[in-house]
Protein backbone atom coordinates (compact mmCIF):
# COMPACT_ATOMS: atom_id res chain seq x y z
CA MET A 1 10.61 -24.85 -85.04
CA ASP A 2 10.68 -28.72 -85.48
CA TRP A 3 10.27 -30.08 -89.32
CA LYS A 4 9.55 -33.13 -91.02
CA GLN A 5 9.05 -33.98 -94.51
CA ALA A 6 5.63 -34.04 -95.93
CA ALA A 7 4.46 -36.60 -98.84
CA GLU A 8 3.18 -34.01 -101.17
CA ALA A 9 3.77 -33.58 -104.84
CA PRO A 10 6.64 -31.65 -105.87
CA GLU A 11 5.86 -27.98 -106.91
CA LYS A 12 7.14 -26.09 -109.99
CA ASN A 13 9.38 -22.87 -109.27
CA ALA A 14 7.89 -20.44 -111.56
CA GLY A 15 10.60 -18.05 -110.30
CA SER A 16 13.38 -19.60 -112.26
CA ALA A 17 14.20 -21.19 -115.15
CA HIS A 18 17.04 -23.52 -113.97
CA ALA A 19 15.27 -24.37 -110.74
CA ASP A 20 14.28 -28.15 -109.99
CA PRO A 21 11.16 -28.97 -108.00
CA GLY A 22 11.88 -30.40 -104.97
CA PRO A 23 10.20 -32.10 -101.99
CA ARG A 24 7.96 -29.67 -100.05
CA LEU A 25 8.97 -29.59 -96.11
CA THR A 26 6.05 -28.72 -93.69
CA ALA A 27 5.80 -27.43 -90.17
CA ARG A 28 4.62 -30.00 -87.88
CA ALA A 29 0.56 -29.77 -86.82
CA GLY A 30 0.47 -27.15 -84.36
CA VAL A 31 3.54 -25.20 -85.00
CA ALA A 32 2.57 -21.74 -86.36
CA GLY A 33 4.79 -20.62 -89.68
CA ALA A 34 4.68 -20.83 -93.53
CA ALA A 35 5.78 -24.26 -95.05
CA ILE A 36 9.07 -24.96 -95.89
CA ILE A 37 9.98 -25.54 -99.39
CA THR A 38 12.54 -27.31 -101.01
CA ARG A 39 14.23 -25.92 -104.45
CA VAL A 40 17.28 -26.96 -106.40
CA CYS A 41 19.02 -24.58 -109.12
CA HIS A 42 21.08 -25.38 -111.48
CA SER A 43 22.95 -21.87 -111.02
CA LEU A 44 24.11 -20.11 -108.01
CA GLN A 45 22.92 -17.00 -110.02
CA ASP A 46 19.08 -17.99 -109.28
CA ILE A 47 20.03 -17.55 -105.42
CA GLY A 48 20.51 -13.86 -104.23
CA ALA A 49 24.05 -13.17 -102.76
CA ALA A 50 22.52 -11.35 -100.09
CA ALA A 51 20.39 -14.15 -99.02
CA TRP A 52 23.02 -16.62 -99.32
CA ASN A 53 25.70 -14.64 -97.44
CA THR A 54 23.57 -13.67 -94.71
CA LEU A 55 22.96 -17.40 -93.91
CA ALA A 56 26.63 -18.14 -94.26
CA ALA A 57 27.55 -15.07 -91.80
CA LEU A 58 25.08 -17.32 -88.89
CA GLN A 59 26.98 -20.30 -89.24
CA GLN A 60 29.49 -21.45 -86.39
CA HIS A 61 32.39 -22.58 -88.93
CA PRO A 62 32.27 -20.17 -91.72
CA THR A 63 34.91 -19.95 -94.32
CA PRO A 64 35.26 -17.54 -97.32
CA PHE A 65 35.08 -20.42 -99.56
CA MET A 66 31.50 -20.73 -98.78
CA ARG A 67 30.64 -17.04 -99.79
CA HIS A 68 28.31 -16.63 -102.63
CA GLU A 69 31.25 -14.74 -104.44
CA TYR A 70 33.52 -17.48 -104.18
CA LEU A 71 31.08 -20.16 -105.23
CA ALA A 72 29.71 -18.15 -107.79
CA ALA A 73 33.13 -17.16 -109.30
CA LEU A 74 33.86 -21.18 -109.78
CA GLU A 75 30.67 -21.33 -112.03
CA ALA A 76 30.93 -17.99 -113.81
CA SER A 77 34.31 -18.70 -114.91
CA GLY A 78 34.20 -22.11 -116.32
CA SER A 79 35.66 -23.95 -113.44
CA ALA A 80 33.13 -26.04 -111.98
CA THR A 81 30.51 -26.60 -114.58
CA PRO A 82 28.86 -29.60 -116.24
CA ALA A 83 31.99 -29.40 -118.97
CA THR A 84 34.48 -29.83 -116.19
CA GLY A 85 32.21 -32.63 -114.50
CA TRP A 86 30.96 -30.69 -111.86
CA ALA A 87 27.32 -29.81 -112.61
CA PRO A 88 25.69 -27.24 -110.02
CA ARG A 89 22.56 -28.40 -108.19
CA PHE A 90 22.13 -25.98 -104.92
CA LEU A 91 19.69 -27.34 -102.66
CA THR A 92 17.75 -24.59 -100.80
CA LEU A 93 15.07 -24.63 -98.35
CA TRP A 94 12.63 -21.53 -98.09
CA GLN A 95 10.21 -20.29 -95.50
CA ASP A 96 8.37 -17.68 -97.45
CA SER A 97 10.99 -15.44 -98.65
CA GLU A 98 13.62 -16.24 -96.20
CA LEU A 99 16.39 -18.90 -97.15
CA VAL A 100 16.68 -21.38 -93.95
CA ALA A 101 18.84 -23.67 -95.03
CA ALA A 102 21.20 -24.35 -98.06
CA CYS A 103 24.36 -26.05 -99.24
CA PRO A 104 26.47 -26.40 -102.54
CA LEU A 105 25.39 -29.76 -104.27
CA TYR A 106 27.02 -31.00 -107.53
CA LEU A 107 26.61 -33.98 -109.55
CA LYS A 108 29.99 -35.37 -110.49
CA ASP A 109 30.93 -37.96 -113.22
CA HIS A 110 34.09 -38.13 -111.71
CA SER A 111 36.11 -38.09 -108.31
CA TYR A 112 38.71 -35.47 -109.31
CA GLY A 113 39.15 -32.29 -107.15
CA GLU A 114 37.59 -33.65 -104.12
CA TYR A 115 40.63 -34.77 -101.77
CA VAL A 116 38.33 -37.44 -100.02
CA PHE A 117 39.18 -40.41 -102.08
CA ASP A 118 36.38 -42.91 -103.20
CA TRP A 119 38.05 -44.35 -106.34
CA ALA A 120 38.15 -48.21 -104.63
CA TRP A 121 34.21 -47.62 -104.28
CA ALA A 122 33.59 -46.46 -107.77
CA ASN A 123 35.87 -49.62 -109.24
CA ALA A 124 33.87 -52.12 -107.02
CA HIS A 125 30.62 -50.95 -108.40
CA ALA A 126 31.99 -51.17 -111.89
CA ALA A 127 33.48 -54.64 -111.02
CA HIS A 128 29.75 -55.72 -110.67
CA GLY A 129 28.24 -53.89 -113.34
CA LEU A 130 26.88 -50.92 -111.50
CA PRO A 131 27.26 -47.41 -112.15
CA TYR A 132 28.93 -45.38 -109.62
CA TYR A 133 28.65 -42.00 -111.64
CA PRO A 134 26.82 -39.73 -111.52
CA LYS A 135 27.45 -39.27 -107.61
CA ALA A 136 26.09 -36.34 -105.43
CA VAL A 137 28.78 -34.30 -103.49
CA VAL A 138 28.34 -31.63 -101.27
CA ALA A 139 31.55 -29.79 -101.12
CA VAL A 140 33.43 -26.73 -102.14
CA PRO A 141 35.34 -27.56 -105.49
CA PHE A 142 38.95 -28.11 -105.26
CA THR A 143 38.79 -26.76 -101.88
CA PRO A 144 39.71 -29.34 -98.82
CA VAL A 145 38.84 -26.72 -96.26
CA PRO A 146 37.17 -28.12 -93.33
CA GLY A 147 34.02 -26.09 -92.41
CA THR A 148 30.14 -25.72 -92.53
CA ARG A 149 28.58 -27.19 -95.48
CA LEU A 150 25.33 -27.57 -94.74
CA MET A 151 24.26 -24.10 -93.69
CA ALA A 152 21.14 -23.55 -91.77
CA ARG A 153 19.11 -21.15 -89.43
CA ASP A 154 19.18 -23.97 -86.75
CA ALA A 155 19.66 -27.32 -85.98
CA GLN A 156 16.21 -28.04 -87.17
CA ALA A 157 16.43 -26.63 -90.13
CA ARG A 158 19.64 -28.57 -90.78
CA THR A 159 18.10 -31.95 -90.33
CA ALA A 160 15.61 -31.06 -92.69
CA LEU A 161 18.32 -30.01 -95.25
CA VAL A 162 19.81 -33.47 -94.83
CA LYS A 163 16.63 -35.21 -95.52
CA ALA A 164 15.84 -33.23 -98.49
CA LEU A 165 19.40 -34.02 -99.84
CA LEU A 166 18.61 -37.76 -99.11
CA ALA A 167 14.85 -37.47 -100.63
CA TRP A 168 16.42 -35.70 -103.83
CA CYS A 169 18.98 -38.18 -104.27
CA ALA A 170 16.67 -41.03 -104.17
CA SER A 171 14.55 -39.49 -106.45
CA GLU A 172 17.30 -38.62 -108.85
CA GLY A 173 18.62 -42.41 -108.59
CA VAL A 174 22.49 -41.16 -107.88
CA SER A 175 24.52 -44.01 -106.75
CA SER A 176 25.58 -41.90 -103.33
CA LEU A 177 25.91 -38.97 -101.53
CA HIS A 178 29.18 -37.36 -100.32
CA VAL A 179 29.63 -34.33 -97.70
CA LEU A 180 33.03 -33.29 -97.69
CA PHE A 181 35.20 -31.66 -95.11
CA ALA A 182 32.20 -31.09 -92.76
CA ALA A 183 31.67 -29.23 -89.43
CA ASP A 184 30.90 -31.04 -86.25
CA GLU A 185 26.85 -29.86 -86.55
CA ASP A 186 26.96 -31.01 -90.39
CA LEU A 187 28.16 -34.30 -89.18
CA ASP A 188 25.80 -34.63 -86.23
CA ALA A 189 22.69 -34.18 -88.65
CA CYS A 190 24.25 -36.33 -91.18
CA ALA A 191 24.61 -39.31 -88.58
CA GLN A 192 21.37 -38.85 -87.12
CA ALA A 193 20.29 -39.63 -90.75
CA GLY A 194 21.99 -42.66 -90.61
CA LEU A 195 25.08 -41.48 -93.24
CA MET A 196 28.55 -43.20 -92.58
CA LEU A 197 31.28 -41.06 -91.13
CA ARG A 198 34.64 -41.07 -92.28
CA GLN A 199 38.10 -39.74 -91.33
CA THR A 200 41.21 -38.33 -92.77
CA VAL A 201 44.31 -36.49 -91.90
CA GLN A 202 45.31 -32.90 -92.75
CA PHE A 203 48.18 -31.15 -91.05
CA HIS A 204 47.50 -27.46 -89.67
CA TRP A 205 49.73 -24.70 -87.76
CA THR A 206 48.61 -23.14 -84.44
CA ASN A 207 49.95 -19.90 -83.24
CA MET A 208 50.23 -21.16 -79.73
CA ALA A 209 53.39 -21.90 -77.91
CA PRO A 210 52.47 -25.13 -75.78
CA THR A 211 53.60 -25.32 -71.99
CA LEU A 212 51.51 -27.74 -70.52
CA GLY A 213 52.68 -31.17 -72.08
CA THR A 214 52.41 -33.03 -75.53
CA GLY A 215 48.44 -33.20 -75.29
CA VAL A 216 48.02 -29.37 -76.17
CA SER A 217 50.85 -29.15 -79.01
CA SER A 218 47.67 -30.55 -81.98
CA LEU A 219 44.37 -29.30 -82.08
CA PRO A 220 41.81 -30.68 -84.47
CA PRO A 221 40.18 -28.02 -86.87
CA GLU A 222 36.89 -26.86 -86.70
CA GLY A 223 34.60 -29.49 -88.39
CA ALA A 224 36.15 -31.94 -86.10
CA LEU A 225 33.64 -34.65 -84.75
CA ALA A 226 34.11 -36.78 -81.72
CA ALA A 227 32.00 -39.48 -82.95
CA LEU A 228 33.90 -42.00 -85.31
CA GLY A 229 31.80 -45.24 -85.05
CA ARG A 230 28.73 -46.43 -87.01
CA PRO A 231 26.18 -43.51 -86.90
CA GLY A 232 23.10 -44.63 -84.72
CA SER A 233 24.57 -47.63 -83.29
CA GLY A 234 24.62 -46.07 -79.71
CA SER A 235 28.21 -47.42 -78.80
CA ALA A 236 30.99 -45.23 -77.62
CA PRO A 237 33.36 -43.91 -80.72
CA PRO A 238 36.97 -45.04 -80.76
CA THR A 239 39.37 -42.29 -79.21
CA LEU A 240 41.81 -40.62 -81.32
CA GLY A 241 44.85 -40.92 -78.81
CA THR A 242 45.69 -38.38 -76.13
CA GLY A 243 47.16 -36.01 -78.51
CA VAL A 244 44.15 -35.17 -80.57
CA SER A 245 41.84 -33.70 -78.47
CA SER A 246 38.49 -31.37 -79.06
CA ARG A 247 39.38 -28.22 -80.62
CA PRO A 248 38.42 -25.31 -77.86
CA SER A 249 36.54 -22.42 -78.45
CA GLU A 250 37.96 -19.68 -79.96
CA ASP A 251 37.02 -17.59 -76.98
CA ALA A 252 39.10 -20.18 -74.95
CA LEU A 253 42.04 -19.93 -77.38
CA ALA A 254 42.10 -15.96 -77.12
CA ALA A 255 42.01 -16.23 -73.07
CA VAL A 256 44.59 -18.83 -72.93
CA GLY A 257 46.86 -16.93 -75.57
CA SER A 258 46.47 -13.49 -73.60
CA SER A 259 46.79 -15.08 -69.99
CA PRO A 260 50.57 -15.33 -68.57
CA GLY A 261 49.75 -18.50 -66.45
CA GLY A 262 47.19 -20.06 -68.77
CA GLY A 263 49.59 -22.42 -70.31
CA SER A 264 50.32 -21.20 -73.36
CA SER A 265 50.89 -18.01 -75.47
CA VAL A 266 51.22 -16.79 -79.24
CA TYR A 267 54.27 -16.71 -80.60
CA ARG A 268 56.27 -13.51 -80.39
CA ASP A 269 58.02 -13.84 -83.49
CA PHE A 270 59.37 -16.30 -85.92
CA ASP A 271 62.58 -16.88 -83.73
CA ASP A 272 60.25 -17.57 -80.59
CA PHE A 273 58.44 -20.17 -83.00
CA LEU A 274 61.53 -21.94 -83.73
CA SER A 275 62.48 -22.18 -80.30
CA HIS A 276 59.54 -24.23 -79.71
CA LEU A 277 60.65 -26.74 -82.03
CA SER A 278 63.17 -29.84 -81.57
CA GLN A 279 66.57 -28.98 -81.85
CA ASP A 280 67.09 -30.88 -85.45
CA LYS A 281 63.62 -29.23 -87.06
CA ARG A 282 64.94 -26.03 -85.85
CA LYS A 283 68.45 -26.52 -87.47
CA LYS A 284 66.77 -27.91 -90.65
CA ILE A 285 64.17 -24.91 -91.05
CA ARG A 286 67.14 -22.40 -90.63
CA GLN A 287 69.47 -24.27 -93.02
CA GLU A 288 66.41 -24.05 -95.40
CA ARG A 289 65.90 -20.59 -95.27
CA ARG A 290 69.44 -19.86 -95.39
CA ARG A 291 69.47 -21.72 -99.07
CA VAL A 292 66.87 -19.41 -100.58
CA ARG A 293 68.61 -16.50 -99.21
CA ASP A 294 71.79 -17.49 -100.35
CA ALA A 295 70.20 -18.01 -103.81
CA GLY A 296 69.42 -14.40 -103.76
CA VAL A 297 65.73 -14.33 -103.34
CA THR A 298 63.45 -11.88 -101.57
CA PHE A 299 60.16 -11.81 -100.86
CA ARG A 300 57.50 -9.21 -101.02
CA TRP A 301 53.63 -9.53 -100.07
CA ALA A 302 50.41 -7.78 -100.86
CA ARG A 303 47.08 -8.36 -99.31
CA GLY A 304 43.34 -7.79 -100.70
CA ALA A 305 42.79 -4.63 -103.15
CA ASP A 306 46.40 -3.82 -102.85
CA ILE A 307 47.44 -6.82 -104.81
CA PRO A 308 47.97 -5.18 -108.50
CA ALA A 309 46.72 -6.92 -111.68
CA ASP A 310 50.29 -7.26 -112.92
CA ASP A 311 50.86 -9.68 -109.68
CA TRP A 312 47.72 -11.45 -110.16
CA ASP A 313 48.65 -12.33 -113.71
CA PHE A 314 52.46 -13.38 -112.36
CA PHE A 315 50.52 -15.70 -110.03
CA TYR A 316 48.64 -17.43 -112.59
CA ARG A 317 51.33 -18.26 -114.66
CA CYS A 318 53.23 -19.91 -112.03
CA TYR A 319 50.07 -21.92 -110.99
CA GLU A 320 49.38 -22.97 -114.35
CA ARG A 321 53.03 -23.92 -114.91
CA THR A 322 52.91 -26.12 -111.65
CA TYR A 323 49.95 -28.08 -112.91
CA LEU A 324 51.05 -28.60 -116.47
CA GLU A 325 54.76 -29.88 -115.13
CA HIS A 326 52.62 -32.32 -113.60
CA GLY A 327 50.78 -33.43 -116.67
CA ASN A 328 47.55 -32.11 -115.73
CA PRO A 329 45.80 -28.64 -116.59
CA PRO A 330 44.96 -26.47 -113.79
CA TYR A 331 41.56 -26.88 -112.03
CA LEU A 332 41.01 -23.19 -112.31
CA SER A 333 40.97 -20.61 -114.74
CA ARG A 334 42.55 -17.26 -115.00
CA ASP A 335 38.90 -15.54 -115.09
CA PHE A 336 38.24 -17.47 -111.64
CA PHE A 337 41.12 -15.16 -109.95
CA HIS A 338 39.91 -12.32 -111.81
CA ARG A 339 36.68 -12.59 -110.39
CA MET A 340 38.39 -13.19 -107.08
CA ALA A 341 40.26 -9.94 -107.11
CA ALA A 342 37.33 -8.16 -108.57
CA HIS A 343 34.50 -9.37 -106.16
CA MET A 344 36.36 -10.94 -102.89
CA PRO A 345 39.99 -9.37 -102.75
CA GLU A 346 39.89 -9.09 -98.84
CA ALA A 347 40.28 -12.73 -98.54
CA TRP A 348 43.48 -13.20 -100.34
CA LEU A 349 47.40 -12.60 -99.62
CA LEU A 350 49.71 -12.81 -102.32
CA PHE A 351 53.43 -13.81 -101.79
CA ILE A 352 55.89 -12.90 -104.72
CA ALA A 353 59.80 -14.40 -104.73
CA GLU A 354 62.08 -12.40 -106.55
CA ARG A 355 65.48 -12.70 -107.58
CA GLU A 356 67.77 -9.99 -109.20
CA GLY A 357 64.64 -7.65 -109.65
CA ARG A 358 62.67 -10.51 -111.46
CA PRO A 359 59.50 -11.94 -109.92
CA ILE A 360 60.41 -15.91 -110.15
CA ALA A 361 57.72 -17.50 -107.58
CA SER A 362 54.57 -16.87 -106.01
CA SER A 363 52.06 -18.61 -103.19
CA LEU A 364 48.59 -17.29 -102.86
CA ILE A 365 46.90 -17.65 -99.15
CA ALA A 366 43.45 -17.23 -98.32
CA ILE A 367 42.33 -15.38 -95.14
CA SER A 368 39.30 -15.69 -93.17
CA ALA A 369 36.59 -12.81 -93.70
CA TYR A 370 38.40 -9.66 -91.73
CA SER A 371 37.26 -6.15 -90.92
CA SER A 372 39.28 -3.27 -92.58
CA SER A 373 42.17 -2.75 -90.23
CA ALA A 374 45.13 -0.33 -90.30
CA GLN A 375 48.56 -1.80 -91.72
CA GLY A 376 50.17 -3.83 -88.90
CA GLN A 377 47.05 -4.35 -86.49
CA LYS A 378 46.67 -7.68 -85.24
CA ASP A 379 44.08 -9.93 -86.98
CA SER A 380 44.00 -12.18 -83.88
CA GLY A 381 41.33 -15.18 -84.51
CA PHE A 382 41.45 -15.15 -87.96
CA VAL A 383 42.36 -18.22 -90.13
CA ALA A 384 44.80 -18.65 -92.87
CA TYR A 385 44.57 -21.25 -95.75
CA GLY A 386 47.61 -22.40 -97.61
CA ARG A 387 45.87 -22.69 -101.28
CA TYR A 388 48.19 -22.44 -104.28
CA TRP A 389 51.64 -21.88 -105.56
CA GLY A 390 53.98 -22.31 -108.52
CA ALA A 391 57.45 -20.98 -109.59
CA LEU A 392 59.37 -20.16 -112.84
CA GLU A 393 62.47 -20.96 -111.65
CA ARG A 394 64.02 -24.10 -109.65
CA VAL A 395 65.47 -22.82 -106.13
CA ASP A 396 66.35 -25.16 -103.61
CA CYS A 397 63.67 -25.26 -100.99
CA LEU A 398 61.85 -22.40 -102.46
CA HIS A 399 58.45 -24.24 -102.08
CA PHE A 400 59.03 -24.40 -98.18
CA GLU A 401 59.85 -20.86 -97.99
CA ALA A 402 56.91 -19.82 -100.04
CA CYS A 403 54.39 -22.06 -99.04
CA TYR A 404 55.37 -22.30 -95.22
CA TYR A 405 57.89 -19.93 -93.99
CA GLN A 406 56.62 -16.65 -95.43
CA PRO A 407 52.86 -17.46 -94.22
CA LEU A 408 53.73 -18.45 -90.86
CA GLN A 409 56.16 -15.54 -90.37
CA TRP A 410 53.17 -13.20 -91.56
CA CYS A 411 50.65 -14.88 -89.49
CA ILE A 412 53.01 -14.45 -86.32
CA ALA A 413 53.19 -10.88 -87.17
CA HIS A 414 49.77 -10.14 -87.53
CA GLY A 415 48.42 -12.52 -84.86
CA VAL A 416 46.63 -15.02 -87.16
CA GLN A 417 45.42 -17.73 -85.14
CA ARG A 418 45.86 -20.77 -87.48
CA PHE A 419 47.45 -21.92 -90.77
CA GLU A 420 45.58 -24.50 -92.41
CA GLY A 421 48.03 -26.37 -94.94
CA GLY A 422 45.45 -28.37 -97.11
CA ALA A 423 45.19 -31.96 -98.04
CA GLN A 424 47.80 -34.54 -97.24
CA GLY A 425 51.65 -34.40 -96.78
CA GLU A 426 53.25 -35.66 -93.74
CA HIS A 427 56.30 -33.40 -94.81
CA LYS A 428 54.49 -30.42 -93.29
CA MET A 429 54.99 -31.90 -89.86
CA ALA A 430 58.79 -31.09 -89.93
CA ARG A 431 57.31 -27.27 -90.63
CA ALA A 432 55.27 -27.61 -87.33
CA LEU A 433 52.22 -28.21 -89.15
CA LEU A 434 50.53 -30.95 -87.05
CA PRO A 435 48.10 -33.62 -87.90
CA VAL A 436 44.41 -33.24 -87.04
CA ALA A 437 41.27 -34.96 -87.94
CA THR A 438 39.03 -34.11 -90.72
CA ARG A 439 35.96 -36.02 -91.37
CA SER A 440 33.01 -36.37 -94.39
CA ALA A 441 29.69 -38.29 -94.56
CA HIS A 442 28.57 -40.65 -97.08
CA TRP A 443 25.42 -42.43 -97.96
CA LEU A 444 25.37 -45.08 -100.60
CA ALA A 445 21.84 -46.23 -102.25
CA HIS A 446 22.79 -50.08 -102.61
CA PRO A 447 22.17 -51.82 -99.65
CA ALA A 448 24.77 -54.24 -100.14
CA PHE A 449 27.50 -51.93 -100.98
CA ALA A 450 26.53 -49.62 -97.99
CA ASP A 451 26.92 -52.69 -95.62
CA ALA A 452 30.45 -53.29 -97.51
CA VAL A 453 31.46 -49.73 -96.97
CA ASP A 454 30.43 -49.63 -93.61
CA ARG A 455 32.60 -52.28 -92.64
CA TYR A 456 35.61 -51.01 -94.31
CA LEU A 457 35.11 -47.76 -92.48
CA GLN A 458 34.95 -49.32 -89.34
CA HIS A 459 38.69 -50.80 -89.88
CA GLU A 460 39.56 -47.60 -91.61
CA THR A 461 38.60 -45.43 -88.72
CA ALA A 462 40.61 -47.48 -86.32
CA GLY A 463 43.70 -47.39 -88.53
CA MET A 464 43.40 -44.00 -88.73
CA ALA A 465 43.16 -43.40 -85.12
CA GLN A 466 46.57 -45.46 -84.70
CA TYR A 467 48.06 -43.51 -87.70
CA LEU A 468 47.14 -40.17 -85.82
CA GLU A 469 48.54 -41.40 -82.42
CA HIS A 470 51.91 -42.37 -84.42
CA LEU A 471 52.11 -38.90 -86.05
CA GLN A 472 51.51 -37.00 -82.54
CA ALA A 473 54.33 -39.03 -81.24
CA ARG A 474 56.55 -37.72 -83.98
CA SER A 475 55.51 -34.13 -83.21
CA PRO A 476 58.70 -31.52 -83.73
CA VAL A 477 57.13 -29.32 -81.06
CA ARG A 478 58.51 -29.47 -77.78
CA THR A 479 56.91 -28.35 -74.48
CA ARG A 480 58.25 -26.11 -71.69
CA PRO A 481 58.00 -26.70 -68.22
C-alpha cells in the first residue's frame, strides 16, 4: 500500500496517558484500507510486547537489542530515562489494531552513549547562539550494533515512518534527527527523504577462511549501504575500495561455507583460524594467550538460563569497576542485567576468568536469537556481539583473552557466523577483526547548518573511504591459493 502524509489535525490517543498526538497518515485515494495513525509514546510499556516483537521479527536485519524486552529493561531499570538524558518517545504507525511501523526514539540533552560523535556540531550551534539540545535520536541506547532501526511491515510503511519522524521533529522544534547504526533499508528510506548519510568504522570477525584473494577478507556488516554521497544527488557514490564490498546474503555465506570448491570455509578450530593469519600476528596471539595461561588463569562459560545469579552479580562488579576506574559511572544498572537474566536470558553468553579457584574477570557476549538446541549443536548463521567486560585483578593480556580469544574460540566451536567487536579500536585488527563500514542518517533543522554539515560530510566520506582502504591493506588475514 502506498502512503502519504495528510494535512489533518492531530488526534489525541485516548488509550494511553503517555501517548502524544501525532500526524495522521492516510491511504491514498483509491487504495482500500483503514487510515494509518501515528502515535508517540513516552514509555514502551504503552506498546504491547507481542505487537512490537512481531514487527521486529519481520525485519531483514534484526538484532536482540531491538526486542521489546531489551528496550523496556533500559527504561524500567533507570538506565535510559529522562533522568539520564534519554527521554523516550517511541514513534509508531498503526492501521486499526496492527502495528505497521515503529522505532525507538529519544529526546537527548547530551551526546553520550551514542558512538556516532557530533560534539563539533553541538559546539558550532553554541558558538552561533543556537541550541543543539534537545535533539532526536533513533537508536538503541549505549548499543553501537548495526541493524534495523526503522521497523516496518514493508518499504512503503518505512517511508511513511521517516516522514512521520520528520513531521514530529518539526512540530517539536528539535535541532536535528539522527538515525544511528541503521540497516540498508533504513538508510535508503532516509536518503529518499533527504537525510544526509554519515559513515564510520567498526571491526568484525567473520567465520570464513578466505582462499580467493584479499577482496574476500573483509565483509561489511548488516546495515551497510553502498550509497555514500549526498542523498538525492543522482551522482554515483564514491567506492570504498576493493577490500570492502557488499555483504552477501546469509544463504550465500552458508553455501560458500559448505562447499569444498566454493572459495572459503568456516574455521575447523582456533588453530585453523590462526593458520590463516600472518606469521607475526599468529605468533603474537599465541604469546598473549600463553601469558594468561602462565599466570594461572582459566576460563569457564555459561549460556542463557544456565548463567547463575552469583555469576551475574560478579559480572556486574567487574563491569562497574571498569567504568569507575575510568572516572565514569556505568551506563547500565544492575537492575538492567537482572531483567535480562529474567526476561531475555537466551541472548547472553558469559565468560568467567578464574585464578586459584577465584573469579577475577568476566566478559558478557550477546547472541542473536536462536532456537533451543542440544549442547554443542552448531548455531550456524547466528551472530555474536562483544558487549561488556571488567576485571578485579590485573593480568597481562587478560583483556584480549576475555574479550576476543575466548569468544572467538567459542564462536568457531559452535559455528557462529560473525563476531562484532563493537565501536572503534584499531587494535582489534591484530586479533583478525577486520574493518567494516557502518552508517547513520542525519537531518538538521537549520538550513545553513545543514548545508555546512553536508559539505563536511562529503569530505569526511572521502577521507573515510581512504581510511578503510588503508586499514584493508594492513589486514592480518592471509589468503591461500
